[in-house]
């Protein structure tokens, strides 16, 4: 005769049956159609996170390389345009005079940077920008430094003639030709006895320089992105120097001759 199960056996069998049914339900395909287990969700999230992080890193790298390449192309194109602009300006330099506070002078001045004063070249050119107006204009090329950044800025003003007082000219239409972590300066060349000599300034001269050289140095690498660009100053003689009777001293007679002071006549007695 079978004895009835004790309370302990009854509870133990119930617990065992519950565990078996739970495991069977977790592995039963019909029960799995209703959702995912917590482990599967966590695994999917981990894989998705890895894929997202890898994709973001790849996009960031590609975008950075593309941006650097674009900036490099833009800087190179900008530098080429700057060289072309300066070549046109220097190639159309006018052999004229303007007024200064110390008197009449040749309309060409090249100064190096001095303390807070930036380096600058000023002259009169006929290579106006645009196809409509080709009138002569005063052109200034200024080397301006702000912190680690150096800019070469072109400005212009209308040329009104030899009576124009150059110190009072208001330069306008600022255009940054090139900029960067660079050292920049101009040199001015003249032919002396068949030898080309360079000087760092061109102030108070009676003739135009034959060449103008722009030197740029990268402060980090020391490289020159323009390779010491030389610009030819084509208008290096006034029209009178083309006359058949012009002598070799023609270039030194650009400025008007100073009138001698009238000698005072003392009374004789």
C-alpha atoms as a PDB file:
ATOM      1  CA  UNK A   1       0.000   0.000   0.000  1.00  0.00           C
ATOM      2  CA  UNK A   2       1.520   3.294  -1.155  1.00  0.00           C
ATOM      3  CA  UNK A   3       2.004   5.927   1.435  1.00  0.00           C
ATOM      4  CA  UNK A   4       0.906   9.449   0.712  1.00  0.00           C
ATOM      5  CA  UNK A   5       3.715  11.929  -0.137  1.00  0.00           C
ATOM      6  CA  UNK A   6       4.968  14.064   2.616  1.00  0.00           C
ATOM      7  CA  UNK A   7       4.778  17.868   2.468  1.00  0.00           C
ATOM      8  CA  UNK A   8       8.496  18.048   1.700  1.00  0.00           C
ATOM      9  CA  UNK A   9       8.274  15.698  -1.291  1.00  0.00           C
ATOM     10  CA  UNK A  10       5.197  17.518  -2.571  1.00  0.00           C
ATOM     11  CA  UNK A  11       7.006  20.903  -2.573  1.00  0.00           C
ATOM     12  CA  UNK A  12      10.191  19.458  -4.094  1.00  0.00           C
ATOM     13  CA  UNK A  13       8.325  17.900  -7.025  1.00  0.00           C
ATOM     14  CA  UNK A  14       6.438  21.124  -7.676  1.00  0.00           C
ATOM     15  CA  UNK A  15       9.681  23.154  -7.798  1.00  0.00           C
ATOM     16  CA  UNK A  16      11.351  20.657 -10.107  1.00  0.00           C
ATOM     17  CA  UNK A  17       8.409  20.673 -12.476  1.00  0.00           C
ATOM     18  CA  UNK A  18       8.427  24.462 -12.610  1.00  0.00           C
ATOM     19  CA  UNK A  19      12.114  24.587 -13.561  1.00  0.00           C
ATOM     20  CA  UNK A  20      11.714  21.924 -16.244  1.00  0.00           C
ATOM     21  CA  UNK A  21       8.742  23.728 -17.751  1.00  0.00           C
ATOM     22  CA  UNK A  22      10.618  27.059 -17.724  1.00  0.00           C
ATOM     23  CA  UNK A  23      13.633  25.623 -19.521  1.00  0.00           C
ATOM     24  CA  UNK A  24      11.439  23.814 -22.016  1.00  0.00           C
ATOM     25  CA  UNK A  25       9.520  26.980 -22.696  1.00  0.00           C
ATOM     26  CA  UNK A  26      12.729  28.977 -23.290  1.00  0.00           C
ATOM     27  CA  UNK A  27      13.920  26.505 -25.883  1.00  0.00           C
ATOM     28  CA  UNK A  28      10.587  25.822 -27.471  1.00  0.00           C
ATOM     29  CA  UNK A  29      10.512  27.505 -30.929  1.00  0.00           C
ATOM     30  CA  UNK A  30       6.820  28.237 -30.566  1.00  0.00           C
ATOM     31  CA  UNK A  31       7.467  30.200 -27.361  1.00  0.00           C
ATOM     32  CA  UNK A  32      10.575  31.987 -28.785  1.00  0.00           C
ATOM     33  CA  UNK A  33       8.508  33.598 -31.550  1.00  0.00           C
ATOM     34  CA  UNK A  34       7.050  36.035 -29.058  1.00  0.00           C
ATOM     35  CA  UNK A  35      10.374  37.934 -28.283  1.00  0.00           C
ATOM     36  CA  UNK A  36      14.099  37.865 -27.455  1.00  0.00           C
ATOM     37  CA  UNK A  37      15.869  36.890 -24.330  1.00  0.00           C
ATOM     38  CA  UNK A  38      17.791  39.447 -22.291  1.00  0.00           C
ATOM     39  CA  UNK A  39      21.122  37.891 -23.296  1.00  0.00           C
ATOM     40  CA  UNK A  40      20.258  38.183 -26.989  1.00  0.00           C
ATOM     41  CA  UNK A  41      19.278  41.837 -26.596  1.00  0.00           C
ATOM     42  CA  UNK A  42      22.501  42.650 -24.767  1.00  0.00           C
ATOM     43  CA  UNK A  43      24.588  40.858 -27.381  1.00  0.00           C
ATOM     44  CA  UNK A  44      22.834  42.732 -30.196  1.00  0.00           C
ATOM     45  CA  UNK A  45      23.423  46.053 -28.444  1.00  0.00           C
ATOM     46  CA  UNK A  46      27.103  45.274 -27.974  1.00  0.00           C
ATOM     47  CA  UNK A  47      27.576  44.368 -31.636  1.00  0.00           C
ATOM     48  CA  UNK A  48      25.647  47.445 -32.767  1.00  0.00           C
ATOM     49  CA  UNK A  49      27.783  49.688 -30.536  1.00  0.00           C
ATOM     50  CA  UNK A  50      30.988  48.283 -32.028  1.00  0.00           C
ATOM     51  CA  UNK A  51      29.691  48.838 -35.564  1.00  0.00           C
ATOM     52  CA  UNK A  52      28.579  52.412 -34.787  1.00  0.00           C
ATOM     53  CA  UNK A  53      31.889  53.344 -33.160  1.00  0.00           C
ATOM     54  CA  UNK A  54      33.880  51.898 -36.061  1.00  0.00           C
ATOM     55  CA  UNK A  55      31.697  53.727 -38.599  1.00  0.00           C
ATOM     56  CA  UNK A  56      32.026  57.060 -36.804  1.00  0.00           C
ATOM     57  CA  UNK A  57      35.815  56.683 -36.584  1.00  0.00           C
ATOM     58  CA  UNK A  58      36.031  55.836 -40.289  1.00  0.00           C
ATOM     59  CA  UNK A  59      33.848  58.793 -41.290  1.00  0.00           C
ATOM     60  CA  UNK A  60      35.876  61.128 -39.070  1.00  0.00           C
ATOM     61  CA  UNK A  61      39.165  59.967 -40.611  1.00  0.00           C
ATOM     62  CA  UNK A  62      37.891  60.256 -44.180  1.00  0.00           C
ATOM     63  CA  UNK A  63      36.346  63.680 -43.515  1.00  0.00           C
ATOM     64  CA  UNK A  64      39.570  64.932 -41.889  1.00  0.00           C
ATOM     65  CA  UNK A  65      41.734  63.772 -44.780  1.00  0.00           C
ATOM     66  CA  UNK A  66      39.311  65.271 -47.279  1.00  0.00           C
ATOM     67  CA  UNK A  67      39.226  68.568 -45.401  1.00  0.00           C
ATOM     68  CA  UNK A  68      43.031  68.755 -45.232  1.00  0.00           C
ATOM     69  CA  UNK A  69      43.278  67.939 -48.906  1.00  0.00           C
ATOM     70  CA  UNK A  70      40.685  70.562 -49.782  1.00  0.00           C
ATOM     71  CA  UNK A  71      42.466  73.203 -47.699  1.00  0.00           C
ATOM     72  CA  UNK A  72      45.762  72.301 -49.379  1.00  0.00           C
ATOM     73  CA  UNK A  73      44.274  72.661 -52.861  1.00  0.00           C
ATOM     74  CA  UNK A  74      42.560  75.935 -51.907  1.00  0.00           C
ATOM     75  CA  UNK A  75      45.806  77.345 -50.469  1.00  0.00           C
ATOM     76  CA  UNK A  76      47.773  76.337 -53.578  1.00  0.00           C
ATOM     77  CA  UNK A  77      45.167  77.837 -55.924  1.00  0.00           C
ATOM     78  CA  UNK A  78      45.039  80.994 -53.831  1.00  0.00           C
ATOM     79  CA  UNK A  79      48.821  81.322 -53.938  1.00  0.00           C
ATOM     80  CA  UNK A  80      48.854  80.920 -57.719  1.00  0.00           C
ATOM     81  CA  UNK A  81      46.215  83.641 -58.068  1.00  0.00           C
ATOM     82  CA  UNK A  82      48.200  85.897 -55.725  1.00  0.00           C
ATOM     83  CA  UNK A  83      51.362  85.487 -57.802  1.00  0.00           C
ATOM     84  CA  UNK A  84      49.446  86.209 -61.003  1.00  0.00           C
ATOM     85  CA  UNK A  85      47.912  89.334 -59.459  1.00  0.00           C
ATOM     86  CA  UNK A  86      51.275  90.686 -58.319  1.00  0.00           C
ATOM     87  CA  UNK A  87      52.893  89.870 -61.657  1.00  0.00           C
ATOM     88  CA  UNK A  88      50.206  91.910 -63.426  1.00  0.00           C
ATOM     89  CA  UNK A  89      50.590  94.821 -60.997  1.00  0.00           C
ATOM     90  CA  UNK A  90      54.382  95.004 -61.194  1.00  0.00           C
ATOM     91  CA  UNK A  91      54.330  94.418 -64.941  1.00  0.00           C
ATOM     92  CA  UNK A  92      52.169  97.510 -65.434  1.00  0.00           C
ATOM     93  CA  UNK A  93      54.081  99.837 -63.096  1.00  0.00           C
ATOM     94  CA  UNK A  94      53.936 103.487 -64.180  1.00  0.00           C
ATOM     95  CA  UNK A  95      57.074 105.635 -64.299  1.00  0.00           C
ATOM     96  CA  UNK A  96      55.497 108.710 -62.694  1.00  0.00           C
ATOM     97  CA  UNK A  97      56.021 110.952 -59.689  1.00  0.00           C
ATOM     98  CA  UNK A  98      53.858 111.787 -56.702  1.00  0.00           C
ATOM     99  CA  UNK A  99      54.040 114.316 -53.901  1.00  0.00           C
ATOM    100  CA  UNK A 100      55.377 113.494 -50.469  1.00  0.00           C
ATOM    101  CA  UNK A 101      55.767 115.583 -47.349  1.00  0.00           C
ATOM    102  CA  UNK A 102      59.425 116.080 -48.251  1.00  0.00           C
ATOM    103  CA  UNK A 103      58.733 116.991 -51.890  1.00  0.00           C
ATOM    104  CA  UNK A 104      58.243 115.303 -55.243  1.00  0.00           C
ATOM    105  CA  UNK A 105      59.456 111.706 -55.478  1.00  0.00           C
ATOM    106  CA  UNK A 106      59.349 108.731 -57.788  1.00  0.00           C
ATOM    107  CA  UNK A 107      56.031 106.925 -57.427  1.00  0.00           C
ATOM    108  CA  UNK A 108      57.516 103.723 -56.043  1.00  0.00           C
ATOM    109  CA  UNK A 109      58.328 102.970 -52.422  1.00  0.00           C
ATOM    110  CA  UNK A 110      59.414  99.741 -50.793  1.00  0.00           C
ATOM    111  CA  UNK A 111      59.819  99.557 -47.010  1.00  0.00           C
ATOM    112  CA  UNK A 112      60.683  96.708 -44.695  1.00  0.00           C
ATOM    113  CA  UNK A 113      58.852  96.019 -41.438  1.00  0.00           C
ATOM    114  CA  UNK A 114      60.113  98.109 -38.540  1.00  0.00           C
ATOM    115  CA  UNK A 115      58.635  97.396 -35.113  1.00  0.00           C
ATOM    116  CA  UNK A 116      54.901  98.005 -35.294  1.00  0.00           C
ATOM    117  CA  UNK A 117      55.217  99.317 -38.841  1.00  0.00           C
ATOM    118  CA  UNK A 118      54.501  96.565 -41.397  1.00  0.00           C
ATOM    119  CA  UNK A 119      56.510  95.987 -44.548  1.00  0.00           C
ATOM    120  CA  UNK A 120      54.879  97.574 -47.584  1.00  0.00           C
ATOM    121  CA  UNK A 121      55.344  98.270 -51.268  1.00  0.00           C
ATOM    122  CA  UNK A 122      53.449 101.175 -52.889  1.00  0.00           C
ATOM    123  CA  UNK A 123      53.467 102.128 -56.553  1.00  0.00           C
ATOM    124  CA  UNK A 124      51.256 103.241 -59.427  1.00  0.00           C
ATOM    125  CA  UNK A 125      50.011 100.499 -61.756  1.00  0.00           C
ATOM    126  CA  UNK A 126      47.795 100.322 -64.799  1.00  0.00           C
ATOM    127  CA  UNK A 127      46.723  96.703 -64.260  1.00  0.00           C
ATOM    128  CA  UNK A 128      43.338  97.461 -62.733  1.00  0.00           C
ATOM    129  CA  UNK A 129      41.163  94.547 -61.641  1.00  0.00           C
ATOM    130  CA  UNK A 130      38.172  93.855 -63.843  1.00  0.00           C
ATOM    131  CA  UNK A 131      37.406  94.222 -67.528  1.00  0.00           C
ATOM    132  CA  UNK A 132      35.501  97.499 -67.240  1.00  0.00           C
ATOM    133  CA  UNK A 133      37.953  99.887 -65.634  1.00  0.00           C
ATOM    134  CA  UNK A 134      41.654  99.914 -66.506  1.00  0.00           C
ATOM    135  CA  UNK A 135      42.472 103.309 -65.032  1.00  0.00           C
ATOM    136  CA  UNK A 136      45.783 103.771 -63.257  1.00  0.00           C
ATOM    137  CA  UNK A 137      45.642 103.198 -59.531  1.00  0.00           C
ATOM    138  CA  UNK A 138      47.852 103.358 -56.490  1.00  0.00           C
ATOM    139  CA  UNK A 139      48.583  99.819 -55.297  1.00  0.00           C
ATOM    140  CA  UNK A 140      49.901  98.819 -51.888  1.00  0.00           C
ATOM    141  CA  UNK A 141      51.066  95.338 -50.898  1.00  0.00           C
ATOM    142  CA  UNK A 142      51.296  95.156 -47.119  1.00  0.00           C
ATOM    143  CA  UNK A 143      52.744  92.340 -45.016  1.00  0.00           C
ATOM    144  CA  UNK A 144      50.688  92.254 -41.820  1.00  0.00           C
ATOM    145  CA  UNK A 145      51.372  89.912 -38.911  1.00  0.00           C
ATOM    146  CA  UNK A 146      48.889  88.992 -36.192  1.00  0.00           C
ATOM    147  CA  UNK A 147      50.210  86.427 -33.730  1.00  0.00           C
ATOM    148  CA  UNK A 148      51.404  83.405 -35.702  1.00  0.00           C
ATOM    149  CA  UNK A 149      49.471  84.428 -38.813  1.00  0.00           C
ATOM    150  CA  UNK A 150      51.009  86.600 -41.534  1.00  0.00           C
ATOM    151  CA  UNK A 151      48.924  88.066 -44.350  1.00  0.00           C
ATOM    152  CA  UNK A 152      49.863  89.699 -47.625  1.00  0.00           C
ATOM    153  CA  UNK A 153      47.122  92.258 -48.270  1.00  0.00           C
ATOM    154  CA  UNK A 154      46.535  94.182 -51.497  1.00  0.00           C
ATOM    155  CA  UNK A 155      44.812  97.564 -51.380  1.00  0.00           C
ATOM    156  CA  UNK A 156      44.151 100.169 -54.019  1.00  0.00           C
ATOM    157  CA  UNK A 157      43.171 103.806 -54.518  1.00  0.00           C
ATOM    158  CA  UNK A 158      42.405 105.862 -57.595  1.00  0.00           C
ATOM    159  CA  UNK A 159      45.442 107.634 -59.073  1.00  0.00           C
ATOM    160  CA  UNK A 160      44.660 111.324 -59.540  1.00  0.00           C
ATOM    161  CA  UNK A 161      47.995 112.456 -60.915  1.00  0.00           C
ATOM    162  CA  UNK A 162      51.381 113.832 -59.792  1.00  0.00           C
ATOM    163  CA  UNK A 163      49.744 116.341 -57.447  1.00  0.00           C
ATOM    164  CA  UNK A 164      48.443 113.518 -55.272  1.00  0.00           C
ATOM    165  CA  UNK A 165      49.934 113.687 -51.748  1.00  0.00           C
ATOM    166  CA  UNK A 166      50.721 110.040 -51.119  1.00  0.00           C
ATOM    167  CA  UNK A 167      50.682 110.282 -47.314  1.00  0.00           C
ATOM    168  CA  UNK A 168      47.013 111.313 -47.434  1.00  0.00           C
ATOM    169  CA  UNK A 169      45.828 108.568 -49.767  1.00  0.00           C
ATOM    170  CA  UNK A 170      43.041 106.402 -48.326  1.00  0.00           C
ATOM    171  CA  UNK A 171      43.686 102.839 -49.499  1.00  0.00           C
ATOM    172  CA  UNK A 172      40.574 100.719 -50.015  1.00  0.00           C
ATOM    173  CA  UNK A 173      39.354  97.332 -51.290  1.00  0.00           C
ATOM    174  CA  UNK A 174      41.480  95.139 -49.010  1.00  0.00           C
ATOM    175  CA  UNK A 175      42.131  91.699 -50.495  1.00  0.00           C
ATOM    176  CA  UNK A 176      44.143  89.015 -48.650  1.00  0.00           C
ATOM    177  CA  UNK A 177      46.347  87.499 -51.349  1.00  0.00           C
ATOM    178  CA  UNK A 178      47.877  84.811 -49.131  1.00  0.00           C
ATOM    179  CA  UNK A 179      48.270  84.002 -45.451  1.00  0.00           C
ATOM    180  CA  UNK A 180      49.812  81.437 -43.156  1.00  0.00           C
ATOM    181  CA  UNK A 181      52.447  80.730 -40.540  1.00  0.00           C
ATOM    182  CA  UNK A 182      55.027  82.449 -42.707  1.00  0.00           C
ATOM    183  CA  UNK A 183      57.795  85.011 -42.727  1.00  0.00           C
ATOM    184  CA  UNK A 184      57.461  87.340 -45.740  1.00  0.00           C
ATOM    185  CA  UNK A 185      59.520  90.195 -47.135  1.00  0.00           C
ATOM    186  CA  UNK A 186      60.290  91.901 -50.429  1.00  0.00           C
ATOM    187  CA  UNK A 187      63.646  92.499 -52.118  1.00  0.00           C
ATOM    188  CA  UNK A 188      64.315  94.975 -54.927  1.00  0.00           C
ATOM    189  CA  UNK A 189      66.852  94.333 -57.664  1.00  0.00           C
ATOM    190  CA  UNK A 190      68.772  96.703 -59.911  1.00  0.00           C
ATOM    191  CA  UNK A 191      71.350  96.198 -62.611  1.00  0.00           C
ATOM    192  CA  UNK A 192      74.636  97.861 -61.748  1.00  0.00           C
ATOM    193  CA  UNK A 193      77.436  97.382 -64.252  1.00  0.00           C
ATOM    194  CA  UNK A 194      75.718  94.302 -65.618  1.00  0.00           C
ATOM    195  CA  UNK A 195      75.430  92.783 -62.134  1.00  0.00           C
ATOM    196  CA  UNK A 196      72.089  92.276 -60.419  1.00  0.00           C
ATOM    197  CA  UNK A 197      72.165  93.706 -56.889  1.00  0.00           C
ATOM    198  CA  UNK A 198      69.386  93.316 -54.315  1.00  0.00           C
ATOM    199  CA  UNK A 199      68.325  95.701 -51.564  1.00  0.00           C
ATOM    200  CA  UNK A 200      65.719  95.400 -48.828  1.00  0.00           C
ATOM    201  CA  UNK A 201      64.260  98.896 -49.308  1.00  0.00           C
ATOM    202  CA  UNK A 202      63.500 101.226 -52.199  1.00  0.00           C
ATOM    203  CA  UNK A 203      63.013 104.718 -50.844  1.00  0.00           C
ATOM    204  CA  UNK A 204      64.127 108.022 -52.376  1.00  0.00           C
ATOM    205  CA  UNK A 205      65.298 106.389 -55.612  1.00  0.00           C
ATOM    206  CA  UNK A 206      65.127 108.136 -58.977  1.00  0.00           C
ATOM    207  CA  UNK A 207      64.511 104.957 -60.989  1.00  0.00           C
ATOM    208  CA  UNK A 208      62.293 101.939 -60.675  1.00  0.00           C
ATOM    209  CA  UNK A 209      63.740  98.590 -59.620  1.00  0.00           C
ATOM    210  CA  UNK A 210      64.275  96.093 -62.395  1.00  0.00           C
ATOM    211  CA  UNK A 211      62.925  93.176 -60.328  1.00  0.00           C
ATOM    212  CA  UNK A 212      60.867  92.712 -57.194  1.00  0.00           C
ATOM    213  CA  UNK A 213      61.294  89.436 -55.310  1.00  0.00           C
ATOM    214  CA  UNK A 214      58.851  88.037 -52.773  1.00  0.00           C
ATOM    215  CA  UNK A 215      60.409  85.664 -50.255  1.00  0.00           C
ATOM    216  CA  UNK A 216      58.223  83.499 -48.047  1.00  0.00           C
ATOM    217  CA  UNK A 217      59.464  81.091 -45.395  1.00  0.00           C
ATOM    218  CA  UNK A 218      57.361  78.563 -43.500  1.00  0.00           C
ATOM    219  CA  UNK A 219      58.248  79.037 -39.834  1.00  0.00           C
ATOM    220  CA  UNK A 220      57.853  75.305 -39.148  1.00  0.00           C
ATOM    221  CA  UNK A 221      59.587  73.664 -42.119  1.00  0.00           C
ATOM    222  CA  UNK A 222      61.635  76.553 -43.519  1.00  0.00           C
ATOM    223  CA  UNK A 223      60.296  75.820 -47.009  1.00  0.00           C
ATOM    224  CA  UNK A 224      59.454  78.587 -49.490  1.00  0.00           C
ATOM    225  CA  UNK A 225      56.045  77.851 -51.069  1.00  0.00           C
ATOM    226  CA  UNK A 226      56.706  80.211 -53.996  1.00  0.00           C
ATOM    227  CA  UNK A 227      60.375  79.478 -54.530  1.00  0.00           C
ATOM    228  CA  UNK A 228      61.482  83.132 -54.338  1.00  0.00           C
ATOM    229  CA  UNK A 229      59.061  84.590 -56.891  1.00  0.00           C
ATOM    230  CA  UNK A 230      60.645  87.298 -59.052  1.00  0.00           C
ATOM    231  CA  UNK A 231      58.429  89.913 -60.685  1.00  0.00           C
ATOM    232  CA  UNK A 232      59.683  91.952 -63.618  1.00  0.00           C
ATOM    233  CA  UNK A 233      59.014  95.672 -63.466  1.00  0.00           C
ATOM    234  CA  UNK A 234      58.456  96.315 -67.166  1.00  0.00           C
ATOM    235  CA  UNK A 235      57.934 100.081 -67.124  1.00  0.00           C
ATOM    236  CA  UNK A 236      61.501 100.810 -66.063  1.00  0.00           C
ATOM    237  CA  UNK A 237      61.987 103.905 -68.239  1.00  0.00           C
ATOM    238  CA  UNK A 238      59.962 107.023 -69.061  1.00  0.00           C
ATOM    239  CA  UNK A 239      58.758 107.567 -72.612  1.00  0.00           C
ATOM    240  CA  UNK A 240      61.426 110.200 -73.220  1.00  0.00           C
ATOM    241  CA  UNK A 241      64.092 107.522 -72.872  1.00  0.00           C
ATOM    242  CA  UNK A 242      62.845 106.011 -76.143  1.00  0.00           C
ATOM    243  CA  UNK A 243      63.668 109.101 -78.195  1.00  0.00           C
ATOM    244  CA  UNK A 244      66.614 108.931 -80.590  1.00  0.00           C
ATOM    245  CA  UNK A 245      68.430 111.729 -78.791  1.00  0.00           C
ATOM    246  CA  UNK A 246      68.034 110.184 -75.314  1.00  0.00           C
ATOM    247  CA  UNK A 247      71.312 109.750 -73.468  1.00  0.00           C
ATOM    248  CA  UNK A 248      72.361 107.132 -70.919  1.00  0.00           C
ATOM    249  CA  UNK A 249      71.513 109.568 -68.114  1.00  0.00           C
ATOM    250  CA  UNK A 250      67.842 109.540 -69.122  1.00  0.00           C
ATOM    251  CA  UNK A 251      66.823 107.347 -66.201  1.00  0.00           C
ATOM    252  CA  UNK A 252      68.338 109.735 -63.682  1.00  0.00           C
ATOM    253  CA  UNK A 253      66.283 112.660 -64.938  1.00  0.00           C
ATOM    254  CA  UNK A 254      62.846 111.382 -64.024  1.00  0.00           C
ATOM    255  CA  UNK A 255      62.206 113.862 -61.261  1.00  0.00           C
ATOM    256  CA  UNK A 256      61.798 117.506 -62.159  1.00  0.00           C
ATOM    257  CA  UNK A 257      64.977 119.497 -61.771  1.00  0.00           C
ATOM    258  CA  UNK A 258      65.053 121.739 -58.735  1.00  0.00           C
ATOM    259  CA  UNK A 259      65.101 125.416 -59.548  1.00  0.00           C
ATOM    260  CA  UNK A 260      68.204 127.189 -58.246  1.00  0.00           C
ATOM    261  CA  UNK A 261      67.606 129.759 -55.615  1.00  0.00           C
ATOM    262  CA  UNK A 262      67.922 133.323 -56.770  1.00  0.00           C
ATOM    263  CA  UNK A 263      71.172 134.817 -55.528  1.00  0.00           C
ATOM    264  CA  UNK A 264      70.766 137.911 -53.468  1.00  0.00           C
ATOM    265  CA  UNK A 265      72.428 140.970 -54.993  1.00  0.00           C
ATOM    266  CA  UNK A 266      74.140 143.157 -52.492  1.00  0.00           C
ATOM    267  CA  UNK A 267      74.307 146.894 -53.000  1.00  0.00           C
ATOM    268  CA  UNK A 268      77.737 148.291 -53.780  1.00  0.00           C
ATOM    269  CA  UNK A 269      78.660 151.664 -52.577  1.00  0.00           C
END
